[in-house]
């Protein structure tokens, strides 16, 4: 199996082929939720607390709202619950469990509900800030896991690779969900509701001031 296809199916770009209208629908649904009253659909309550902290570690408040202010954690929970296959759901829960276990052990606490931002940020950083060779090693391990799983074999994945898969997924999905939100799409990115002239090749600084285009 091609490595890119395996990773797309299983881990590092989980479900990113979902149609844009589906994403917008999920994000619009999240807008009506009250964060303080939020009960996750897919994750447990404690896992939801961890996810809430992680998205803000990845995209904290600066001159733009934080990821949690854009309710990205609700989006990720709803996306995992409604838009990915059961095998991917199992993989996500397993990988998140390995990540939380490590964070709790390193911090000397009992579980997810006791984890603070510092412990999560430390593990997230050490998991993602690794050499290219280490990244490739994790990707190959995930590929082998996927191939074994899809062929009906006894799939297993080492804890470090599982943590890497989870951290990568959360980072990518946080950025993805943030850019999909209405406020960021219209107020932060370059937004053109009625497309005009097509410029095949141009300087991004001149065209958009260096900003990405909104979807």
Foldseek 3Di string as FASTA:
>chain_A
DDLVVLCDQAFQVFQVVPDLVVLLVLLVVQVPDDVVPDQFPQDHPLLLVVLLLLQCLLANDDVHHGLVVSPLSNSVRVCLVPRGDPNNSVLLVVLSVLLFVVLCVVVVHDTSNPDDNVSSSVSLCVLPPDDPVVVVVLSVQSSVLSVCVVVVHDHDGDSSSSPNRNSSNSSVSSVVSQLSRPCCQPPVAAEDPDDDDDDPDDDCCVPTVVGHHRD
